[in-house]
Protein backbone atom coordinates (compact mmCIF):
# COMPACT_ATOMS: atom_id res chain seq x y z
CA MET A 1 160.65 78.80 44.49
CA ILE A 2 157.21 80.37 45.00
CA ALA A 3 155.09 78.59 47.69
CA LYS A 4 151.93 76.78 46.78
CA PRO A 5 149.44 79.43 48.18
CA PHE A 6 151.04 82.04 45.95
CA LEU A 7 150.92 79.77 42.85
CA GLN A 8 147.18 79.06 43.48
CA ALA A 9 146.51 82.81 43.65
CA VAL A 10 148.48 83.79 40.48
CA PRO A 11 145.40 83.46 38.24
CA VAL A 12 143.60 86.06 40.51
CA LEU A 13 146.43 88.49 39.95
CA GLU A 14 146.42 87.73 36.23
CA LEU A 15 142.67 88.43 35.94
CA ILE A 16 143.11 91.76 37.69
CA GLU A 17 146.06 92.73 35.46
CA GLU A 18 144.17 91.64 32.32
CA SER A 19 141.52 94.21 33.27
CA GLY A 20 144.14 96.97 33.25
CA PHE A 21 145.03 97.15 36.94
CA GLU A 22 148.03 96.34 39.13
CA ALA A 23 147.96 93.47 41.66
CA TYR A 24 150.61 92.18 44.11
CA PHE A 25 151.05 89.89 47.01
CA VAL A 26 151.71 91.95 50.16
CA GLY A 27 152.24 91.83 53.93
CA GLY A 28 153.04 88.94 56.25
CA SER A 29 152.80 86.25 53.57
CA VAL A 30 155.59 87.88 51.58
CA ARG A 31 157.70 88.35 54.75
CA ASP A 32 157.27 84.74 55.69
CA HIS A 33 158.10 83.59 52.14
CA ILE A 34 161.37 85.47 52.36
CA LEU A 35 162.04 83.87 55.77
CA GLY A 36 161.20 80.43 54.46
CA ARG A 37 158.30 80.07 56.91
CA GLU A 38 155.13 78.19 56.21
CA ILE A 39 152.45 80.24 54.53
CA SER A 40 148.78 79.46 55.09
CA ASP A 41 147.09 82.26 53.16
CA VAL A 42 148.03 85.27 51.07
CA ASP A 43 146.90 88.93 51.02
CA ILE A 44 146.50 90.76 47.74
CA ALA A 45 146.76 94.51 47.11
CA THR A 46 145.57 96.16 43.91
CA SER A 47 145.07 99.45 42.18
CA ALA A 48 141.48 98.33 41.30
CA LEU A 49 138.72 99.90 43.31
CA PRO A 50 136.31 97.57 45.18
CA ASP A 51 133.53 98.18 42.58
CA GLU A 52 136.03 97.45 39.73
CA LEU A 53 137.01 94.20 41.49
CA LYS A 54 133.35 93.14 41.67
CA GLU A 55 133.12 93.56 37.92
CA ILE A 56 136.06 91.14 37.50
CA PHE A 57 134.90 88.50 40.02
CA PRO A 58 131.34 87.48 40.20
CA LYS A 59 131.50 86.03 43.74
CA THR A 60 132.61 88.53 46.38
CA VAL A 61 131.84 89.42 50.00
CA ASP A 62 132.24 92.90 51.50
CA LEU A 63 134.62 92.41 54.42
CA GLY A 64 135.69 95.98 55.17
CA ILE A 65 134.72 97.74 52.08
CA GLU A 66 134.98 101.16 53.69
CA HIS A 67 138.73 100.37 53.97
CA GLY A 68 138.84 98.87 50.52
CA THR A 69 138.80 95.14 51.39
CA ILE A 70 136.64 92.55 49.80
CA LEU A 71 136.67 88.74 49.89
CA VAL A 72 136.89 87.15 46.44
CA HIS A 73 135.80 83.52 45.90
CA TYR A 74 137.66 82.02 43.00
CA ARG A 75 138.12 78.33 42.01
CA GLY A 76 137.11 77.08 45.40
CA GLU A 77 139.46 79.38 47.34
CA SER A 78 138.86 82.74 49.10
CA TYR A 79 141.20 85.71 48.84
CA GLU A 80 141.24 89.02 50.73
CA ILE A 81 141.93 91.78 48.23
CA THR A 82 142.50 95.37 49.30
CA THR A 83 142.65 98.47 47.14
CA PHE A 84 145.75 100.64 47.49
CA ARG A 85 145.01 103.30 50.02
CA SER A 86 146.32 106.19 52.09
CA GLU A 87 145.11 107.03 55.59
CA ALA A 88 144.72 110.17 57.64
CA GLY A 89 143.72 111.15 61.15
CA TYR A 90 143.94 108.65 63.99
CA THR A 91 141.97 110.28 66.80
CA ASP A 92 141.41 106.91 68.59
CA PHE A 93 145.06 105.86 68.12
CA ARG A 94 143.92 102.74 66.37
CA ARG A 95 142.01 103.28 63.10
CA PRO A 96 142.23 106.03 60.47
CA ASP A 97 139.46 108.66 60.42
CA GLN A 98 139.81 108.96 56.71
CA VAL A 99 140.75 106.41 54.01
CA SER A 100 141.48 107.42 50.39
CA PHE A 101 141.86 104.97 47.57
CA ILE A 102 144.93 105.49 45.46
CA ARG A 103 146.64 103.96 42.46
CA SER A 104 150.23 103.85 43.85
CA LEU A 105 151.73 100.72 45.34
CA ARG A 106 154.58 102.66 46.98
CA ASP A 107 152.20 105.02 48.77
CA ASP A 108 150.17 102.01 49.91
CA LEU A 109 153.26 100.28 51.34
CA GLN A 110 154.37 103.55 53.04
CA ARG A 111 151.28 103.44 55.36
CA ARG A 112 152.22 100.01 56.76
CA ASP A 113 153.68 99.37 60.18
CA PHE A 114 157.15 97.71 59.82
CA THR A 115 159.50 97.64 56.88
CA MET A 116 159.48 93.80 56.86
CA ASN A 117 155.70 93.99 56.27
CA ALA A 118 156.00 96.72 53.58
CA ILE A 119 157.20 94.39 50.80
CA ALA A 120 155.29 93.39 47.71
CA MET A 121 155.75 90.52 45.31
CA ASP A 122 154.42 90.20 41.75
CA LYS A 123 153.09 87.06 40.16
CA GLU A 124 156.51 86.05 38.87
CA GLY A 125 157.97 86.19 42.35
CA ASN A 126 159.86 89.48 41.84
CA ILE A 127 160.24 91.48 45.08
CA LEU A 128 159.31 95.19 45.28
CA ASP A 129 160.92 96.69 48.36
CA PRO A 130 160.88 100.49 48.52
CA PHE A 131 161.58 100.66 52.28
CA SER A 132 164.42 98.17 52.67
CA GLY A 133 162.31 95.47 54.26
CA VAL A 134 164.40 92.61 52.84
CA GLU A 135 167.50 94.14 54.45
CA ALA A 136 165.66 94.37 57.80
CA ILE A 137 164.65 90.72 57.50
CA SER A 138 168.25 89.69 56.72
CA GLN A 139 169.43 91.65 59.81
CA LYS A 140 166.52 90.32 61.86
CA LYS A 141 165.46 93.82 62.77
CA ILE A 142 161.99 95.18 63.48
CA ALA A 143 161.87 98.80 62.26
CA THR A 144 158.88 101.04 61.38
CA VAL A 145 158.26 102.45 58.04
CA GLY A 146 159.41 106.00 58.39
CA ASN A 147 159.10 107.87 61.73
CA PRO A 148 158.28 105.39 64.54
CA GLU A 149 156.58 108.10 66.60
CA GLU A 150 154.18 108.72 63.75
CA ARG A 151 153.54 105.05 63.16
CA PHE A 152 152.82 104.31 66.79
CA GLY A 153 150.75 107.50 67.13
CA GLU A 154 148.57 106.32 64.23
CA ASP A 155 148.01 102.87 65.75
CA ALA A 156 149.28 102.23 69.31
CA LEU A 157 148.64 98.44 68.92
CA ARG A 158 151.70 98.45 66.61
CA MET A 159 153.84 98.62 69.74
CA LEU A 160 152.50 95.30 71.03
CA ARG A 161 152.81 93.85 67.49
CA ALA A 162 156.46 94.76 67.49
CA VAL A 163 157.00 92.72 70.74
CA ARG A 164 154.90 89.97 69.36
CA PHE A 165 157.02 89.77 66.18
CA LEU A 166 160.11 89.74 68.36
CA SER A 167 158.61 86.69 70.10
CA GLN A 168 157.48 84.84 66.92
CA LEU A 169 160.42 85.63 64.61
CA CYS A 170 163.28 85.89 67.10
CA PHE A 171 164.10 89.36 65.76
CA SER A 172 165.23 92.39 67.77
CA ILE A 173 163.68 95.82 67.77
CA GLU A 174 165.77 98.50 66.08
CA LYS A 175 166.94 101.17 68.55
CA ARG A 176 165.01 104.17 67.16
CA THR A 177 161.83 102.09 67.08
CA TYR A 178 162.44 100.78 70.64
CA ASP A 179 163.10 104.29 71.98
CA SER A 180 159.87 105.51 70.47
CA LEU A 181 158.03 102.49 71.88
CA VAL A 182 159.29 103.37 75.43
CA LYS A 183 158.33 107.01 74.92
CA GLN A 184 154.79 106.35 73.63
CA CYS A 185 153.73 103.15 75.38
CA HIS A 186 151.22 105.18 77.39
CA LEU A 187 149.13 105.35 74.21
CA LEU A 188 148.26 101.68 74.79
CA ASP A 189 145.66 102.94 77.24
CA ASN A 190 143.61 103.77 74.15
CA ILE A 191 143.59 100.20 72.86
CA ALA A 192 140.77 97.74 73.54
CA VAL A 193 141.66 95.02 76.04
CA GLU A 194 140.55 92.30 73.56
CA ARG A 195 143.17 93.45 71.04
CA LYS A 196 145.84 93.54 73.78
CA THR A 197 144.91 90.03 74.79
CA VAL A 198 145.26 88.69 71.24
CA GLU A 199 148.76 90.11 70.91
CA PHE A 200 149.85 89.08 74.42
CA GLU A 201 148.76 85.47 73.80
CA LYS A 202 150.57 85.38 70.48
CA MET A 203 153.69 86.59 72.37
CA LEU A 204 153.27 83.70 74.83
CA LYS A 205 153.17 81.23 71.97
CA GLY A 206 156.30 82.57 70.25
CA GLN A 207 159.71 80.87 70.25
CA ASN A 208 161.34 83.92 71.78
CA ARG A 209 158.70 84.62 74.39
CA ASN A 210 161.13 84.89 77.33
CA GLU A 211 162.79 87.89 75.68
CA ALA A 212 159.41 89.35 74.67
CA ILE A 213 158.20 89.33 78.29
CA ARG A 214 161.47 90.87 79.46
CA LEU A 215 161.07 93.63 76.87
CA LEU A 216 157.48 94.30 78.01
CA ALA A 217 158.81 94.80 81.51
CA SER A 218 161.96 96.76 80.65
CA SER A 219 160.14 99.15 78.28
CA GLY A 220 157.32 99.89 80.66
CA MET A 221 154.70 98.57 78.29
CA HIS A 222 153.41 96.25 80.97
CA GLN A 223 152.12 99.23 82.93
CA TYR A 224 149.37 99.61 80.32
CA LEU A 225 148.35 95.96 80.25
CA PRO A 226 145.52 94.57 82.45
CA GLY A 227 146.58 93.74 86.04
CA LEU A 228 150.34 94.17 85.34
CA LYS A 229 150.89 97.73 86.55
CA ASN A 230 153.68 97.91 89.17
CA HIS A 231 154.54 94.18 88.61
CA THR A 232 157.90 94.67 86.89
CA GLU A 233 159.89 92.17 89.00
CA PRO A 234 157.25 89.41 88.85
CA LEU A 235 157.31 89.75 85.06
CA PHE A 236 161.06 89.31 84.96
CA GLN A 237 160.70 86.19 87.13
CA PHE A 238 158.01 84.98 84.87
CA SER A 239 160.22 85.37 81.81
CA VAL A 240 163.01 83.32 83.45
CA SER A 241 160.77 80.41 84.33
CA LEU A 242 158.71 80.45 81.09
CA PHE A 243 159.83 77.19 79.46
CA LYS A 244 159.30 76.77 75.71
CA ASP A 245 157.03 73.78 75.79
CA LEU A 246 154.28 75.34 77.91
CA GLN A 247 150.84 75.55 76.43
CA ILE A 248 149.09 78.86 76.51
CA SER A 249 146.92 77.88 79.53
CA GLU A 250 150.07 76.83 81.44
CA ALA A 251 151.85 80.09 80.60
CA TRP A 252 148.89 82.03 82.07
CA VAL A 253 148.90 79.96 85.23
CA LEU A 254 152.68 80.43 85.64
CA LEU A 255 152.03 84.16 85.39
CA LEU A 256 149.39 83.90 88.09
CA PHE A 257 151.92 82.23 90.40
CA HIS A 258 154.54 84.88 89.94
CA LEU A 259 151.98 87.61 90.56
CA GLU A 260 151.21 85.78 93.86
CA LEU A 261 147.50 86.16 93.32
CA LYS A 262 145.14 84.62 95.82
CA GLY A 263 141.40 83.98 96.17
CA LYS A 264 139.21 86.52 94.28
CA GLU A 265 142.32 88.24 92.88
CA VAL A 266 142.82 85.32 90.47
CA GLU A 267 139.42 85.67 88.76
CA GLU A 268 139.65 89.47 88.79
CA PHE A 269 142.97 89.38 87.02
CA LEU A 270 141.82 86.88 84.36
CA ARG A 271 138.55 88.77 83.87
CA SER A 272 140.48 91.97 83.28
CA TRP A 273 141.93 90.43 80.17
CA LYS A 274 138.34 89.63 78.96
CA LEU A 275 139.05 85.91 78.81
CA PRO A 276 136.11 83.54 78.27
CA VAL A 277 134.37 82.23 81.36
CA GLN A 278 135.22 78.57 80.66
CA THR A 279 138.85 79.49 80.00
CA ILE A 280 139.04 81.34 83.40
CA LYS A 281 137.48 78.31 85.08
CA ARG A 282 140.11 75.99 83.63
CA TYR A 283 143.04 78.33 84.53
CA LYS A 284 141.78 78.66 88.11
CA LEU A 285 141.60 74.88 88.47
CA ILE A 286 145.12 74.32 87.13
CA TYR A 287 146.40 77.09 89.44
CA SER A 288 144.73 75.53 92.49
CA TRP A 289 146.68 72.28 91.90
CA VAL A 290 149.93 74.20 91.31
CA LEU A 291 149.45 75.80 94.73
CA GLU A 292 148.81 72.34 96.32
CA ARG A 293 151.99 70.98 94.77
CA ASN A 294 153.88 74.06 95.89
CA ASN A 295 152.68 73.47 99.43
CA GLY A 296 154.25 70.04 99.44
CA GLN A 297 151.30 67.90 98.20
CA SER A 298 152.47 64.93 96.08
CA TRP A 299 150.15 63.22 93.70
CA THR A 300 147.97 60.37 94.88
CA VAL A 301 145.23 58.34 93.25
CA GLU A 302 142.65 60.62 94.87
CA THR A 303 144.28 63.92 93.76
CA VAL A 304 144.85 62.64 90.20
CA TYR A 305 141.24 61.45 90.11
CA LYS A 306 139.91 64.83 91.38
CA ALA A 307 142.07 66.90 89.02
CA GLY A 308 141.74 64.78 85.98
CA ILE A 309 144.67 63.75 83.72
CA ASP A 310 144.83 66.96 81.63
CA ILE A 311 144.65 69.35 84.60
CA ALA A 312 147.07 67.31 86.65
CA LEU A 313 149.68 67.16 83.93
CA SER A 314 149.32 70.87 83.12
CA ALA A 315 149.71 71.72 86.81
CA GLU A 316 152.80 69.51 87.01
CA LYS A 317 154.37 71.27 84.00
CA VAL A 318 153.86 74.65 85.62
CA PHE A 319 155.24 73.27 88.92
CA THR A 320 158.42 71.93 87.24
CA CYS A 321 159.01 75.37 85.72
CA LEU A 322 159.26 76.58 89.32
CA HIS A 323 161.09 73.56 90.76
CA THR A 324 163.37 71.92 88.15
CA GLY A 325 163.99 68.24 88.84
CA LYS A 326 160.73 67.49 90.66
CA ASP A 327 158.66 66.38 87.77
CA GLU A 328 156.02 63.77 88.69
CA SER A 329 154.41 63.56 85.23
CA ARG A 330 155.19 59.83 84.91
CA ARG A 331 153.77 59.13 88.33
CA ILE A 332 150.59 61.07 87.41
CA ILE A 333 150.13 58.95 84.22
CA HIS A 334 150.80 55.75 86.18
CA LEU A 335 148.27 56.68 88.89
CA TYR A 336 145.66 57.70 86.31
CA GLU A 337 146.03 54.48 84.36
CA SER A 338 145.65 52.45 87.57
CA LEU A 339 142.35 54.11 88.44
CA PRO A 340 139.34 51.74 88.42
CA ILE A 341 137.06 54.67 87.46
CA ARG A 342 137.93 58.04 85.89
CA ASN A 343 134.88 59.94 86.95
CA ARG A 344 131.65 59.79 89.11
CA GLN A 345 129.60 58.72 86.05
CA GLU A 346 131.51 55.45 85.82
CA LEU A 347 130.57 54.47 89.41
CA MET A 348 128.26 51.44 89.20
CA VAL A 349 125.89 52.72 91.91
CA SER A 350 123.64 55.75 92.03
CA GLY A 351 122.12 57.85 94.73
CA ASN A 352 118.86 56.00 94.32
CA ASP A 353 120.58 52.67 94.88
CA ILE A 354 122.10 53.89 98.14
CA MET A 355 118.78 55.29 99.43
CA SER A 356 117.11 51.99 98.62
CA TRP A 357 119.77 49.93 100.36
CA LEU A 358 119.85 52.07 103.49
CA GLY A 359 116.11 52.87 103.57
CA GLU A 360 116.82 56.57 103.86
CA LYS A 361 115.22 59.71 102.31
CA PRO A 362 117.24 62.17 100.26
CA GLY A 363 119.42 64.66 102.14
CA PRO A 364 122.92 66.10 102.54
CA TRP A 365 124.02 62.71 103.90
CA LEU A 366 123.58 61.16 100.48
CA ARG A 367 126.43 63.19 98.95
CA ASP A 368 128.75 62.20 101.82
CA VAL A 369 127.97 58.51 101.30
CA LEU A 370 128.48 58.73 97.58
CA GLU A 371 131.84 60.39 98.10
CA GLU A 372 132.72 57.65 100.58
CA VAL A 373 131.89 54.99 98.07
CA GLU A 374 133.80 56.83 95.35
CA ARG A 375 136.92 57.14 97.44
CA ALA A 376 136.67 53.38 98.50
CA VAL A 377 136.46 52.38 94.81
CA ILE A 378 139.32 54.70 93.81
CA ASN A 379 141.61 53.41 96.52
CA GLY A 380 140.77 49.81 95.69
CA LYS A 381 138.98 49.05 98.97
CA VAL A 382 136.00 47.73 97.08
CA PRO A 383 135.54 46.75 93.36
CA ASN A 384 133.40 48.92 91.13
CA ASP A 385 130.64 46.27 91.22
CA LYS A 386 127.10 47.09 92.35
CA GLU A 387 126.53 44.05 94.45
CA LYS A 388 129.93 44.18 96.13
CA ILE A 389 129.45 47.85 96.88
CA LYS A 390 126.11 47.04 98.47
CA VAL A 391 127.71 44.39 100.66
CA TRP A 392 130.57 46.70 101.57
CA LEU A 393 128.18 49.54 102.36
CA ASN A 394 125.88 47.52 104.57
CA GLY A 395 128.29 45.01 106.01
CA LEU A 396 131.12 44.43 108.33
CA ASN A 397 133.73 45.43 105.70
CA ARG A 398 132.60 49.08 105.94
CA LYS A 399 132.25 48.97 109.74
CA SER A 400 135.75 47.55 110.18
CA GLU A 401 137.24 50.31 107.97
CA LYS A 402 135.55 52.96 110.08
CA SER A 403 136.86 51.50 113.34
């Protein structure tokens, strides 16, 4: 049975064919259809040139027209359609120096990375498989189309894609392809960090990510990833402790721990992957609480309050990857739910109130007093009530607690 995204796109193929051209579904959507995986969108390849497609469809956008790709808007949906093409020259080990539009589906499929991605499907659901991609899928094998050294020499990112597919699909890499990957992984030096980061994070989200990380380490590919050179053993340790239910942020923090990074090293490592500033800030915060837990700090109302529920639970998940059986997640939730306030903004007094009550001018002291009030409210020593805080701050209650 053809999946809904294909059925919706069938009229697009029919219009192209009615104009005298060939059109097929190609790539990852066909692979996932064969695997029975969910399909979100479809890619279409055609013998029609971009200008010929524009005559068929009135609403188009040039996406990568120099490579033959345009976006077609049809019946409320958008479809990426690419003209059959051949490629030549890869001086940057990433993109072709020359693209030629062709009329042959087989020649178009021949330029693709892996046999499982070099399969086409017509509008009736018939499979066209000139490079035995269906067989590779049935054997759960990742193999390049043709000579792996040529494929990886054309686009070195394909090596990381192979490991990413291993993680996502729970496939294995065919021996000849793996051997070439080991031999040519130095070519990854030519790939932009941003592209490496995208593939690495997809690996970390995959069902088979433990094996993917081990393969990165055993193949030597990690030597050409930011901050991982000469960290083979930490990567193996990371792969062992990498539980399947970790979020991407938690996986990064777990990696930080195994690399034993401290101080400025943490930010330098995360920046080397070109991660966003706010993302780095969050990862550093989670990591700091993991280190606290690893140093024997148990969760209290104050630490849960300071960390916040999301950060605290993430830190605890990472900690339990390292120390099975010491999960305090329930305790964290209980402590958080018992908090009278969840942040400073919920405190019923302000700095102006305190200055007025104590008859003092602004200064560093004010922050200390606010923090003292905050701690007292958090720990239940005084209710979060303006008048009661005033009495506590000025009265014997506060003095007795200081004594």
